Amino acid sequence: MPTSQSQKKEAIAQAAEQELASLAARGVRIEFSPTGVSADTVVQKLCIEAREEGRACSVVSSDGTIQAVVMGKGVTRISSRMLVDEIKQIDNDVHEAEEAPQIKMTLGSRLSPDALAKLKALRGR
């Protein structure tokens, strides 16, 4: 049975609403700029509000104007490319950690065989 265009739009809208709710539960807020107001203005306003309230604020943008404005407000900023590179590095680090053999790091495993033998001899006294 073919699905109508309006049913497809409704399904997409419901999926988007569920995703937004999921993001909100994880502390992510999506904010759209009102009609006639640039997104840059909204970003600047949100950063200023956060800093005035004593909250940490970070902005990811490759837009030079946004970077300059938010840096002047004491906001941490990072370019989009740098964020992607950092995420890739974290993914690589996690992958390497998962692949590494699980070695129990005890004092005995870190001592040289000579030092370990001396300690065993002392314990036997």
C-alpha atoms as a PDB file:
ATOM      1  CA  MET A   1       0.000   0.000   0.000  1.00  0.00           C
ATOM      2  CA  PRO A   2       1.632   3.290  -1.059  1.00  0.00           C
ATOM      3  CA  THR A   3       2.186   5.938   1.591  1.00  0.00           C
ATOM      4  CA  SER A   4       0.938   9.428   0.895  1.00  0.00           C
ATOM      5  CA  GLN A   5       3.248  12.423   0.885  1.00  0.00           C
ATOM      6  CA  SER A   6       1.535  13.839   3.973  1.00  0.00           C
ATOM      7  CA  GLN A   7       2.036  10.546   5.840  1.00  0.00           C
ATOM      8  CA  LYS A   8       5.741  10.607   4.974  1.00  0.00           C
ATOM      9  CA  LYS A   9       6.039  14.194   6.218  1.00  0.00           C
ATOM     10  CA  GLU A  10       4.234  13.279   9.435  1.00  0.00           C
ATOM     11  CA  ALA A  11       6.549  10.296  10.015  1.00  0.00           C
ATOM     12  CA  ILE A  12       9.603  12.484   9.443  1.00  0.00           C
ATOM     13  CA  ALA A  13       8.248  15.138  11.817  1.00  0.00           C
ATOM     14  CA  GLN A  14       7.616  12.525  14.507  1.00  0.00           C
ATOM     15  CA  ALA A  15      11.117  11.066  14.108  1.00  0.00           C
ATOM     16  CA  ALA A  16      12.655  14.546  14.337  1.00  0.00           C
ATOM     17  CA  GLU A  17      10.623  15.302  17.463  1.00  0.00           C
ATOM     18  CA  GLN A  18      11.808  12.079  19.094  1.00  0.00           C
ATOM     19  CA  GLU A  19      15.425  12.876  18.222  1.00  0.00           C
ATOM     20  CA  LEU A  20      15.118  16.383  19.678  1.00  0.00           C
ATOM     21  CA  ALA A  21      13.675  14.929  22.890  1.00  0.00           C
ATOM     22  CA  SER A  22      16.570  12.473  23.046  1.00  0.00           C
ATOM     23  CA  LEU A  23      19.115  15.268  22.585  1.00  0.00           C
ATOM     24  CA  ALA A  24      17.425  17.392  25.237  1.00  0.00           C
ATOM     25  CA  ALA A  25      17.632  14.507  27.694  1.00  0.00           C
ATOM     26  CA  ARG A  26      21.406  14.465  27.084  1.00  0.00           C
ATOM     27  CA  GLY A  27      21.781  18.202  27.686  1.00  0.00           C
ATOM     28  CA  VAL A  28      21.737  19.391  24.074  1.00  0.00           C
ATOM     29  CA  ARG A  29      19.489  22.274  23.139  1.00  0.00           C
ATOM     30  CA  ILE A  30      18.585  23.124  19.550  1.00  0.00           C
ATOM     31  CA  GLU A  31      17.758  26.759  19.017  1.00  0.00           C
ATOM     32  CA  PHE A  32      16.581  28.346  15.785  1.00  0.00           C
ATOM     33  CA  SER A  33      16.914  32.027  15.037  1.00  0.00           C
ATOM     34  CA  PRO A  34      13.635  33.925  14.823  1.00  0.00           C
ATOM     35  CA  THR A  35      12.536  35.288  11.468  1.00  0.00           C
ATOM     36  CA  GLY A  36      14.595  38.335  10.600  1.00  0.00           C
ATOM     37  CA  VAL A  37      17.343  37.585  13.152  1.00  0.00           C
ATOM     38  CA  SER A  38      20.634  36.085  11.972  1.00  0.00           C
ATOM     39  CA  ALA A  39      21.942  32.883  13.517  1.00  0.00           C
ATOM     40  CA  ASP A  40      25.161  34.771  14.319  1.00  0.00           C
ATOM     41  CA  THR A  41      23.182  37.192  16.484  1.00  0.00           C
ATOM     42  CA  VAL A  42      21.512  34.313  18.343  1.00  0.00           C
ATOM     43  CA  VAL A  43      24.878  32.617  18.978  1.00  0.00           C
ATOM     44  CA  GLN A  44      26.357  35.845  20.308  1.00  0.00           C
ATOM     45  CA  LYS A  45      23.340  36.440  22.569  1.00  0.00           C
ATOM     46  CA  LEU A  46      23.448  32.903  23.986  1.00  0.00           C
ATOM     47  CA  CYS A  47      27.189  33.174  24.678  1.00  0.00           C
ATOM     48  CA  ILE A  48      26.827  36.504  26.448  1.00  0.00           C
ATOM     49  CA  GLU A  49      23.957  35.159  28.578  1.00  0.00           C
ATOM     50  CA  ALA A  50      25.940  32.043  29.522  1.00  0.00           C
ATOM     51  CA  ARG A  51      29.018  34.020  30.543  1.00  0.00           C
ATOM     52  CA  GLU A  52      26.963  36.549  32.540  1.00  0.00           C
ATOM     53  CA  GLU A  53      25.355  33.651  34.420  1.00  0.00           C
ATOM     54  CA  GLY A  54      28.786  32.150  35.124  1.00  0.00           C
ATOM     55  CA  ARG A  55      28.263  29.107  32.906  1.00  0.00           C
ATOM     56  CA  ALA A  56      30.951  27.683  30.674  1.00  0.00           C
ATOM     57  CA  CYS A  57      30.282  28.211  27.002  1.00  0.00           C
ATOM     58  CA  SER A  58      31.928  26.735  23.930  1.00  0.00           C
ATOM     59  CA  VAL A  59      31.232  27.553  20.305  1.00  0.00           C
ATOM     60  CA  VAL A  60      32.129  25.422  17.309  1.00  0.00           C
ATOM     61  CA  SER A  61      32.326  27.581  14.207  1.00  0.00           C
ATOM     62  CA  SER A  62      34.654  28.163  11.306  1.00  0.00           C
ATOM     63  CA  ASP A  63      33.144  31.609  10.795  1.00  0.00           C
ATOM     64  CA  GLY A  64      35.863  34.168  11.575  1.00  0.00           C
ATOM     65  CA  THR A  65      33.421  36.856  12.679  1.00  0.00           C
ATOM     66  CA  ILE A  66      31.693  34.560  15.182  1.00  0.00           C
ATOM     67  CA  GLN A  67      35.059  33.378  16.499  1.00  0.00           C
ATOM     68  CA  ALA A  68      36.264  36.943  17.034  1.00  0.00           C
ATOM     69  CA  VAL A  69      33.062  38.076  18.736  1.00  0.00           C
ATOM     70  CA  VAL A  70      32.776  35.131  21.137  1.00  0.00           C
ATOM     71  CA  MET A  71      36.484  35.181  22.013  1.00  0.00           C
ATOM     72  CA  GLY A  72      36.017  38.776  23.136  1.00  0.00           C
ATOM     73  CA  LYS A  73      33.331  37.539  25.535  1.00  0.00           C
ATOM     74  CA  GLY A  74      35.565  34.906  27.151  1.00  0.00           C
ATOM     75  CA  VAL A  75      33.949  31.993  25.354  1.00  0.00           C
ATOM     76  CA  THR A  76      35.927  28.928  24.343  1.00  0.00           C
ATOM     77  CA  ARG A  77      35.846  28.506  20.597  1.00  0.00           C
ATOM     78  CA  ILE A  78      37.023  25.834  18.213  1.00  0.00           C
ATOM     79  CA  SER A  79      36.807  25.535  14.449  1.00  0.00           C
ATOM     80  CA  SER A  80      34.665  22.853  12.876  1.00  0.00           C
ATOM     81  CA  ARG A  81      37.749  21.179  11.409  1.00  0.00           C
ATOM     82  CA  MET A  82      39.471  21.075  14.812  1.00  0.00           C
ATOM     83  CA  LEU A  83      36.390  19.508  16.411  1.00  0.00           C
ATOM     84  CA  VAL A  84      36.257  16.802  13.735  1.00  0.00           C
ATOM     85  CA  ASP A  85      39.985  16.127  14.210  1.00  0.00           C
ATOM     86  CA  GLU A  86      39.571  15.885  18.004  1.00  0.00           C
ATOM     87  CA  ILE A  87      36.635  13.496  17.663  1.00  0.00           C
ATOM     88  CA  LYS A  88      38.652  11.311  15.270  1.00  0.00           C
ATOM     89  CA  GLN A  89      41.580  11.290  17.725  1.00  0.00           C
ATOM     90  CA  ILE A  90      39.304  10.307  20.611  1.00  0.00           C
ATOM     91  CA  ASP A  91      37.786   7.525  18.477  1.00  0.00           C
ATOM     92  CA  ASN A  92      41.307   6.265  17.664  1.00  0.00           C
ATOM     93  CA  ASP A  93      42.338   6.398  21.340  1.00  0.00           C
ATOM     94  CA  VAL A  94      39.232   4.485  22.408  1.00  0.00           C
ATOM     95  CA  HIS A  95      39.777   1.890  19.678  1.00  0.00           C
ATOM     96  CA  GLU A  96      43.412   1.417  20.724  1.00  0.00           C
ATOM     97  CA  ALA A  97      42.416   1.084  24.380  1.00  0.00           C
ATOM     98  CA  GLU A  98      39.802  -1.523  23.500  1.00  0.00           C
ATOM     99  CA  GLU A  99      42.304  -3.485  21.409  1.00  0.00           C
ATOM    100  CA  ALA A 100      45.134  -3.330  23.977  1.00  0.00           C
ATOM    101  CA  PRO A 101      45.670  -6.427  26.085  1.00  0.00           C
ATOM    102  CA  GLN A 102      44.249  -6.050  29.557  1.00  0.00           C
ATOM    103  CA  ILE A 103      47.280  -6.191  31.836  1.00  0.00           C
ATOM    104  CA  LYS A 104      46.869  -6.009  35.580  1.00  0.00           C
ATOM    105  CA  MET A 105      49.334  -3.353  36.674  1.00  0.00           C
ATOM    106  CA  THR A 106      50.545  -4.540  40.062  1.00  0.00           C
ATOM    107  CA  LEU A 107      53.735  -3.495  41.778  1.00  0.00           C
ATOM    108  CA  GLY A 108      55.186  -6.905  41.074  1.00  0.00           C
ATOM    109  CA  SER A 109      54.518  -6.604  37.354  1.00  0.00           C
ATOM    110  CA  ARG A 110      56.442  -3.319  37.235  1.00  0.00           C
ATOM    111  CA  LEU A 111      59.537  -4.417  39.167  1.00  0.00           C
ATOM    112  CA  SER A 112      62.607  -5.791  37.507  1.00  0.00           C
ATOM    113  CA  PRO A 113      63.216  -9.517  38.091  1.00  0.00           C
ATOM    114  CA  ASP A 114      66.271  -8.620  40.226  1.00  0.00           C
ATOM    115  CA  ALA A 115      64.288  -6.259  42.490  1.00  0.00           C
ATOM    116  CA  LEU A 116      61.466  -8.794  42.761  1.00  0.00           C
ATOM    117  CA  ALA A 117      63.932 -11.531  43.806  1.00  0.00           C
ATOM    118  CA  LYS A 118      65.411  -9.265  46.505  1.00  0.00           C
ATOM    119  CA  LEU A 119      61.962  -8.488  47.886  1.00  0.00           C
ATOM    120  CA  LYS A 120      61.092 -12.189  47.971  1.00  0.00           C
ATOM    121  CA  ALA A 121      64.336 -12.876  49.811  1.00  0.00           C
ATOM    122  CA  LEU A 122      63.524 -10.164  52.369  1.00  0.00           C
ATOM    123  CA  ARG A 123      60.041 -11.577  52.874  1.00  0.00           C
ATOM    124  CA  GLY A 124      61.553 -15.029  53.596  1.00  0.00           C
ATOM    125  CA  ARG A 125      63.654 -13.742  56.528  1.00  0.00           C
END
